[in-house]
C-alpha atoms as a PDB file:
ATOM      1  CA  MET A   1      30.334   4.771  -7.902  1.00  0.00           C
ATOM      2  CA  THR A   2      28.596   5.934  -4.704  1.00  0.00           C
ATOM      3  CA  ARG A   3      27.154   3.105  -2.665  1.00  0.00           C
ATOM      4  CA  VAL A   4      23.522   3.533  -1.629  1.00  0.00           C
ATOM      5  CA  PRO A   5      23.226   3.551   2.189  1.00  0.00           C
ATOM      6  CA  ARG A   6      21.182   0.678   3.521  1.00  0.00           C
ATOM      7  CA  PRO A   7      18.052   1.660   5.445  1.00  0.00           C
ATOM      8  CA  GLY A   8      17.595   0.605   9.028  1.00  0.00           C
ATOM      9  CA  LEU A   9      13.972  -0.360   8.361  1.00  0.00           C
ATOM     10  CA  VAL A  10      12.021  -1.116   5.180  1.00  0.00           C
ATOM     11  CA  ILE A  11       8.300  -0.330   5.281  1.00  0.00           C
ATOM     12  CA  PHE A  12       6.109  -2.037   2.691  1.00  0.00           C
ATOM     13  CA  ASP A  13       2.734  -0.907   1.530  1.00  0.00           C
ATOM     14  CA  ASN A  14       0.619  -4.024   1.026  1.00  0.00           C
ATOM     15  CA  ASP A  15      -1.773  -3.722  -1.914  1.00  0.00           C
ATOM     16  CA  GLY A  16       0.148  -3.550  -5.176  1.00  0.00           C
ATOM     17  CA  VAL A  17       3.493  -3.951  -3.430  1.00  0.00           C
ATOM     18  CA  LEU A  18       3.346  -7.265  -1.565  1.00  0.00           C
ATOM     19  CA  VAL A  19       0.102  -8.599  -3.048  1.00  0.00           C
ATOM     20  CA  ASP A  20      -1.111  -8.033  -6.611  1.00  0.00           C
ATOM     21  CA  SER A  21      -4.523  -6.822  -5.514  1.00  0.00           C
ATOM     22  CA  GLU A  22      -4.992  -3.332  -6.927  1.00  0.00           C
ATOM     23  CA  ARG A  23      -6.728  -4.186 -10.187  1.00  0.00           C
ATOM     24  CA  ILE A  24      -8.969  -6.727  -8.450  1.00  0.00           C
ATOM     25  CA  ALA A  25      -9.865  -4.350  -5.631  1.00  0.00           C
ATOM     26  CA  ASN A  26     -10.457  -1.355  -7.857  1.00  0.00           C
ATOM     27  CA  ALA A  27     -12.671  -3.324 -10.222  1.00  0.00           C
ATOM     28  CA  VAL A  28     -14.813  -4.174  -7.204  1.00  0.00           C
ATOM     29  CA  MET A  29     -14.738  -0.529  -6.094  1.00  0.00           C
ATOM     30  CA  ALA A  30     -15.771   0.695  -9.550  1.00  0.00           C
ATOM     31  CA  ASP A  31     -18.694  -1.718  -9.777  1.00  0.00           C
ATOM     32  CA  LEU A  32     -19.894  -0.819  -6.289  1.00  0.00           C
ATOM     33  CA  LEU A  33     -19.670   2.940  -6.771  1.00  0.00           C
ATOM     34  CA  THR A  34     -21.418   2.683 -10.134  1.00  0.00           C
ATOM     35  CA  GLY A  35     -24.217   0.759  -8.450  1.00  0.00           C
ATOM     36  CA  TYR A  36     -24.520   3.560  -5.909  1.00  0.00           C
ATOM     37  CA  GLY A  37     -25.010   6.119  -8.671  1.00  0.00           C
ATOM     38  CA  VAL A  38     -21.386   7.273  -8.978  1.00  0.00           C
ATOM     39  CA  PRO A  39     -20.344   5.979 -12.446  1.00  0.00           C
ATOM     40  CA  THR A  40     -16.733   4.818 -12.134  1.00  0.00           C
ATOM     41  CA  THR A  41     -14.402   2.703 -14.278  1.00  0.00           C
ATOM     42  CA  THR A  42     -11.643   0.501 -12.878  1.00  0.00           C
ATOM     43  CA  GLU A  43      -9.053   2.912 -14.286  1.00  0.00           C
ATOM     44  CA  GLU A  44     -10.763   5.855 -12.569  1.00  0.00           C
ATOM     45  CA  ALA A  45     -10.876   3.979  -9.273  1.00  0.00           C
ATOM     46  CA  ILE A  46      -7.148   3.256  -9.569  1.00  0.00           C
ATOM     47  CA  ARG A  47      -6.463   6.912 -10.357  1.00  0.00           C
ATOM     48  CA  ASP A  48      -8.626   8.398  -7.639  1.00  0.00           C
ATOM     49  CA  TYR A  49      -8.670   5.952  -4.745  1.00  0.00           C
ATOM     50  CA  MET A  50      -5.675   3.617  -4.969  1.00  0.00           C
ATOM     51  CA  GLY A  51      -3.667   3.678  -1.771  1.00  0.00           C
ATOM     52  CA  GLY A  52      -6.347   5.463   0.235  1.00  0.00           C
ATOM     53  CA  SER A  53      -8.558   4.411   3.112  1.00  0.00           C
ATOM     54  CA  MET A  54     -12.300   3.881   2.912  1.00  0.00           C
ATOM     55  CA  ALA A  55     -12.703   7.196   4.716  1.00  0.00           C
ATOM     56  CA  LEU A  56     -10.833   8.888   1.867  1.00  0.00           C
ATOM     57  CA  VAL A  57     -13.117   7.246  -0.708  1.00  0.00           C
ATOM     58  CA  ARG A  58     -16.155   8.540   1.165  1.00  0.00           C
ATOM     59  CA  ALA A  59     -14.685  12.036   1.416  1.00  0.00           C
ATOM     60  CA  ARG A  60     -13.778  12.224  -2.280  1.00  0.00           C
ATOM     61  CA  VAL A  61     -17.184  10.981  -3.412  1.00  0.00           C
ATOM     62  CA  ARG A  62     -18.843  13.573  -1.186  1.00  0.00           C
ATOM     63  CA  GLU A  63     -16.547  16.348  -2.450  1.00  0.00           C
ATOM     64  CA  ARG A  64     -16.828  15.493  -6.141  1.00  0.00           C
ATOM     65  CA  HIS A  65     -20.379  14.216  -6.424  1.00  0.00           C
ATOM     66  CA  GLY A  66     -22.148  15.906  -3.531  1.00  0.00           C
ATOM     67  CA  SER A  67     -23.556  12.673  -2.148  1.00  0.00           C
ATOM     68  CA  ASP A  68     -22.851  10.392   0.796  1.00  0.00           C
ATOM     69  CA  LEU A  69     -22.266   6.699   0.265  1.00  0.00           C
ATOM     70  CA  PRO A  70     -24.642   4.445   2.218  1.00  0.00           C
ATOM     71  CA  SER A  71     -23.702   3.095   5.632  1.00  0.00           C
ATOM     72  CA  ALA A  72     -23.387  -0.408   4.142  1.00  0.00           C
ATOM     73  CA  PHE A  73     -20.643   0.706   1.723  1.00  0.00           C
ATOM     74  CA  GLU A  74     -17.647  -0.639   3.645  1.00  0.00           C
ATOM     75  CA  ASP A  75     -19.225  -4.010   4.398  1.00  0.00           C
ATOM     76  CA  ALA A  76     -20.402  -4.456   0.814  1.00  0.00           C
ATOM     77  CA  TYR A  77     -16.967  -3.553  -0.535  1.00  0.00           C
ATOM     78  CA  HIS A  78     -15.070  -5.859   1.793  1.00  0.00           C
ATOM     79  CA  GLN A  79     -17.416  -8.772   1.182  1.00  0.00           C
ATOM     80  CA  ALA A  80     -17.013  -8.520  -2.602  1.00  0.00           C
ATOM     81  CA  ALA A  81     -13.290  -7.751  -2.520  1.00  0.00           C
ATOM     82  CA  PHE A  82     -12.461 -10.548  -0.087  1.00  0.00           C
ATOM     83  CA  ALA A  83     -14.327 -13.079  -2.238  1.00  0.00           C
ATOM     84  CA  ALA A  84     -12.381 -11.912  -5.294  1.00  0.00           C
ATOM     85  CA  PHE A  85      -9.083 -12.066  -3.398  1.00  0.00           C
ATOM     86  CA  ARG A  86      -9.712 -15.641  -2.287  1.00  0.00           C
ATOM     87  CA  ALA A  87     -10.389 -16.630  -5.897  1.00  0.00           C
ATOM     88  CA  GLU A  88      -7.729 -14.665  -7.757  1.00  0.00           C
ATOM     89  CA  LEU A  89      -5.044 -13.053  -5.586  1.00  0.00           C
ATOM     90  CA  VAL A  90      -1.327 -13.792  -5.975  1.00  0.00           C
ATOM     91  CA  ALA A  91       1.807 -12.222  -4.548  1.00  0.00           C
ATOM     92  CA  VAL A  92       3.576  -9.516  -6.544  1.00  0.00           C
ATOM     93  CA  ALA A  93       6.204 -11.145  -8.767  1.00  0.00           C
ATOM     94  CA  GLY A  94       9.635 -11.203  -7.142  1.00  0.00           C
ATOM     95  CA  VAL A  95       8.548 -10.035  -3.713  1.00  0.00           C
ATOM     96  CA  SER A  96       9.438 -13.316  -1.984  1.00  0.00           C
ATOM     97  CA  ASP A  97      13.010 -13.034  -3.255  1.00  0.00           C
ATOM     98  CA  LEU A  98      13.158  -9.427  -2.028  1.00  0.00           C
ATOM     99  CA  LEU A  99      11.972 -10.478   1.434  1.00  0.00           C
ATOM    100  CA  ASP A 100      14.610 -13.234   1.418  1.00  0.00           C
ATOM    101  CA  ALA A 101      17.289 -10.657   0.567  1.00  0.00           C
ATOM    102  CA  LEU A 102      16.202  -8.381   3.419  1.00  0.00           C
ATOM    103  CA  ALA A 103      16.238 -11.293   5.850  1.00  0.00           C
ATOM    104  CA  ALA A 104      19.700 -12.345   4.666  1.00  0.00           C
ATOM    105  CA  ALA A 105      20.918  -8.762   5.179  1.00  0.00           C
ATOM    106  CA  ASP A 106      19.290  -8.688   8.648  1.00  0.00           C
ATOM    107  CA  ILE A 107      17.227  -5.603   7.746  1.00  0.00           C
ATOM    108  CA  PRO A 108      13.935  -5.361   9.671  1.00  0.00           C
ATOM    109  CA  HIS A 109      10.812  -4.844   7.600  1.00  0.00           C
ATOM    110  CA  CYS A 110       7.134  -4.275   8.254  1.00  0.00           C
ATOM    111  CA  VAL A 111       3.787  -3.524   6.566  1.00  0.00           C
ATOM    112  CA  ALA A 112       1.970  -0.161   6.716  1.00  0.00           C
ATOM    113  CA  SER A 113      -1.234  -0.305   4.691  1.00  0.00           C
ATOM    114  CA  SER A 114      -4.393   1.729   4.202  1.00  0.00           C
ATOM    115  CA  GLY A 115      -6.316  -1.549   4.352  1.00  0.00           C
ATOM    116  CA  THR A 116      -7.955  -2.898   7.473  1.00  0.00           C
ATOM    117  CA  HIS A 117      -6.136  -5.454   9.608  1.00  0.00           C
ATOM    118  CA  GLU A 118      -8.608  -8.078   8.383  1.00  0.00           C
ATOM    119  CA  ARG A 119      -7.839  -7.255   4.754  1.00  0.00           C
ATOM    120  CA  ILE A 120      -4.067  -7.214   5.274  1.00  0.00           C
ATOM    121  CA  ARG A 121      -4.083 -10.602   6.983  1.00  0.00           C
ATOM    122  CA  LEU A 122      -6.432 -12.132   4.425  1.00  0.00           C
ATOM    123  CA  THR A 123      -4.331 -10.995   1.469  1.00  0.00           C
ATOM    124  CA  LEU A 124      -1.043 -12.048   3.053  1.00  0.00           C
ATOM    125  CA  THR A 125      -2.516 -15.428   3.999  1.00  0.00           C
ATOM    126  CA  THR A 126      -4.022 -16.024   0.555  1.00  0.00           C
ATOM    127  CA  THR A 127      -0.688 -15.294  -1.145  1.00  0.00           C
ATOM    128  CA  GLY A 128       1.417 -17.333   1.289  1.00  0.00           C
ATOM    129  CA  LEU A 129       3.223 -14.312   2.717  1.00  0.00           C
ATOM    130  CA  ILE A 130       1.668 -14.224   6.184  1.00  0.00           C
ATOM    131  CA  ASP A 131       4.547 -16.154   7.792  1.00  0.00           C
ATOM    132  CA  ARG A 132       6.878 -13.328   6.728  1.00  0.00           C
ATOM    133  CA  PHE A 133       5.145 -10.775   8.955  1.00  0.00           C
ATOM    134  CA  ALA A 134       4.359 -11.238  12.639  1.00  0.00           C
ATOM    135  CA  ASP A 135       1.282  -9.441  13.966  1.00  0.00           C
ATOM    136  CA  ALA A 136       3.534  -6.904  15.701  1.00  0.00           C
ATOM    137  CA  VAL A 137       4.942  -5.645  12.385  1.00  0.00           C
ATOM    138  CA  ILE A 138       1.608  -5.134  10.591  1.00  0.00           C
ATOM    139  CA  PHE A 139       0.198  -1.597  10.752  1.00  0.00           C
ATOM    140  CA  SER A 140      -3.142  -0.435   9.357  1.00  0.00           C
ATOM    141  CA  SER A 141      -4.840   2.897   8.794  1.00  0.00           C
ATOM    142  CA  GLN A 142      -7.173   1.665  11.545  1.00  0.00           C
ATOM    143  CA  ASP A 143      -4.310   2.360  13.967  1.00  0.00           C
ATOM    144  CA  VAL A 144      -4.093   6.118  13.309  1.00  0.00           C
ATOM    145  CA  ALA A 145      -6.393   9.120  13.210  1.00  0.00           C
ATOM    146  CA  HIS A 146      -5.365  10.151   9.696  1.00  0.00           C
ATOM    147  CA  GLY A 147      -4.475   7.729   6.909  1.00  0.00           C
ATOM    148  CA  LYS A 148      -2.371   8.353   3.822  1.00  0.00           C
ATOM    149  CA  PRO A 149      -1.546  10.963   2.468  1.00  0.00           C
ATOM    150  CA  ALA A 150      -0.953  12.050   6.103  1.00  0.00           C
ATOM    151  CA  PRO A 151       2.352  10.719   7.490  1.00  0.00           C
ATOM    152  CA  ASP A 152       0.784   9.246  10.640  1.00  0.00           C
ATOM    153  CA  LEU A 153       0.815   5.584   9.597  1.00  0.00           C
ATOM    154  CA  PHE A 154       4.445   5.549   8.517  1.00  0.00           C
ATOM    155  CA  LEU A 155       5.506   7.473  11.619  1.00  0.00           C
ATOM    156  CA  LEU A 156       3.656   4.976  13.805  1.00  0.00           C
ATOM    157  CA  ALA A 157       5.380   2.066  12.070  1.00  0.00           C
ATOM    158  CA  ALA A 158       8.809   3.649  12.546  1.00  0.00           C
ATOM    159  CA  GLU A 159       8.119   4.413  16.205  1.00  0.00           C
ATOM    160  CA  LYS A 160       6.841   0.916  16.999  1.00  0.00           C
ATOM    161  CA  MET A 161       9.762  -0.676  15.152  1.00  0.00           C
ATOM    162  CA  GLY A 162      12.272   1.551  16.960  1.00  0.00           C
ATOM    163  CA  PHE A 163      13.676   3.595  14.060  1.00  0.00           C
ATOM    164  CA  ALA A 164      13.952   7.293  13.290  1.00  0.00           C
ATOM    165  CA  PRO A 165      12.070   8.349  10.125  1.00  0.00           C
ATOM    166  CA  GLU A 166      15.275   9.252   8.315  1.00  0.00           C
ATOM    167  CA  ASP A 167      16.488   5.659   8.763  1.00  0.00           C
ATOM    168  CA  CYS A 168      13.430   4.213   6.998  1.00  0.00           C
ATOM    169  CA  ALA A 169      12.764   3.363   3.355  1.00  0.00           C
ATOM    170  CA  VAL A 170       9.208   2.967   2.093  1.00  0.00           C
ATOM    171  CA  ILE A 171       8.109   0.814  -0.849  1.00  0.00           C
ATOM    172  CA  GLU A 172       4.922   2.295  -2.331  1.00  0.00           C
ATOM    173  CA  ASP A 173       2.825   2.208  -5.484  1.00  0.00           C
ATOM    174  CA  SER A 174       0.390   5.090  -5.035  1.00  0.00           C
ATOM    175  CA  PRO A 175       0.713   8.893  -5.099  1.00  0.00           C
ATOM    176  CA  LEU A 176      -1.019   9.005  -1.709  1.00  0.00           C
ATOM    177  CA  GLY A 177       1.582   6.690  -0.247  1.00  0.00           C
ATOM    178  CA  VAL A 178       4.503   8.580  -1.750  1.00  0.00           C
ATOM    179  CA  THR A 179       3.116  11.838  -0.351  1.00  0.00           C
ATOM    180  CA  ALA A 180       2.724  10.232   3.083  1.00  0.00           C
ATOM    181  CA  ALA A 181       6.271   8.872   3.094  1.00  0.00           C
ATOM    182  CA  ARG A 182       7.678  12.230   2.017  1.00  0.00           C
ATOM    183  CA  ALA A 183       5.711  13.988   4.767  1.00  0.00           C
ATOM    184  CA  ALA A 184       7.130  11.479   7.249  1.00  0.00           C
ATOM    185  CA  GLY A 185      10.686  12.363   6.215  1.00  0.00           C
ATOM    186  CA  MET A 186      11.457   8.930   4.803  1.00  0.00           C
ATOM    187  CA  ARG A 187      13.061   7.695   1.615  1.00  0.00           C
ATOM    188  CA  VAL A 188      10.444   6.303  -0.734  1.00  0.00           C
ATOM    189  CA  TYR A 189      10.617   4.137  -3.843  1.00  0.00           C
ATOM    190  CA  GLY A 190       7.683   4.024  -6.278  1.00  0.00           C
ATOM    191  CA  HIS A 191       6.412   0.883  -7.996  1.00  0.00           C
ATOM    192  CA  THR A 192       5.096   1.814 -11.429  1.00  0.00           C
ATOM    193  CA  ALA A 193       3.166  -1.381 -12.248  1.00  0.00           C
ATOM    194  CA  LEU A 194      -0.212   0.406 -12.353  1.00  0.00           C
ATOM    195  CA  THR A 195       0.602   4.045 -11.660  1.00  0.00           C
ATOM    196  CA  PRO A 196       2.050   6.269 -14.413  1.00  0.00           C
ATOM    197  CA  PRO A 197       5.606   7.268 -13.423  1.00  0.00           C
ATOM    198  CA  GLY A 198       4.734  10.959 -13.544  1.00  0.00           C
ATOM    199  CA  ARG A 199       2.260  10.516 -10.683  1.00  0.00           C
ATOM    200  CA  LEU A 200       5.050   9.057  -8.511  1.00  0.00           C
ATOM    201  CA  ALA A 201       7.599  11.720  -9.445  1.00  0.00           C
ATOM    202  CA  ASP A 202       8.131  12.757  -5.814  1.00  0.00           C
ATOM    203  CA  ALA A 203       9.654   9.370  -5.000  1.00  0.00           C
ATOM    204  CA  ASP A 204      13.424   9.078  -4.611  1.00  0.00           C
ATOM    205  CA  ALA A 205      13.458   6.512  -7.410  1.00  0.00           C
ATOM    206  CA  LEU A 206      11.016   4.474  -9.461  1.00  0.00           C
ATOM    207  CA  PHE A 207      11.048   0.788 -10.349  1.00  0.00           C
ATOM    208  CA  ALA A 208       8.957  -1.459 -12.556  1.00  0.00           C
ATOM    209  CA  ALA A 209       9.914  -4.838 -11.055  1.00  0.00           C
ATOM    210  CA  MET A 210      10.851  -6.080  -7.586  1.00  0.00           C
ATOM    211  CA  THR A 211      14.162  -7.336  -8.948  1.00  0.00           C
ATOM    212  CA  GLU A 212      15.264  -3.679  -9.091  1.00  0.00           C
ATOM    213  CA  VAL A 213      14.648  -2.978  -5.402  1.00  0.00           C
ATOM    214  CA  PRO A 214      17.726  -4.611  -3.798  1.00  0.00           C
ATOM    215  CA  ALA A 215      20.025  -2.213  -5.671  1.00  0.00           C
ATOM    216  CA  LEU A 216      17.876   0.749  -4.596  1.00  0.00           C
ATOM    217  CA  LEU A 217      18.266  -0.358  -0.988  1.00  0.00           C
ATOM    218  CA  GLY A 218      21.999  -0.933  -1.214  1.00  0.00           C
ATOM    219  CA  LEU A 219      21.781  -4.712  -0.845  1.00  0.00           C
END
């Protein structure tokens, strides 16, 4: 049996990978967009916006509905989402054990998320994961000109962490994130908790639970 080569660096998306926030966040997104005259269900928000930046949401609404969201959109979204996170958010099942396994194997790991730095830190703090990630290993779409599906964020993370793209493995749960990792020249593994497997078909492998990840990484 061929042994899977261990990556030099593991890059985690945050929402839906480290913290179980996607359904909460997309329910907020759906309610907000509907209130702005863009009728949207939670399932449609997950399908169309999951893994993307707020700029991508604005662009897709403009493209598909021919209207611009109001200037208060981002603030209204973050206020509602952050309140929901504080009340409901938990870590993804099994992710603490995965982080323990990476630490035991001395494999560096970091976060590269479409969320803002404020959102990343809030969600990691709320779920008790913040001590796992120093400020220097948290990367946001705010740090690059083009968010996912562009490769910029993952390439920035690799550069700052001191690894070549081909030595990195990305843990993602959205088609946008898988596309970005592929464009960056990195291995990518797709979490199918909320996304139909067919939409993550470009990933190197798919998994339904974090307990499957150590084997994918050769641990």
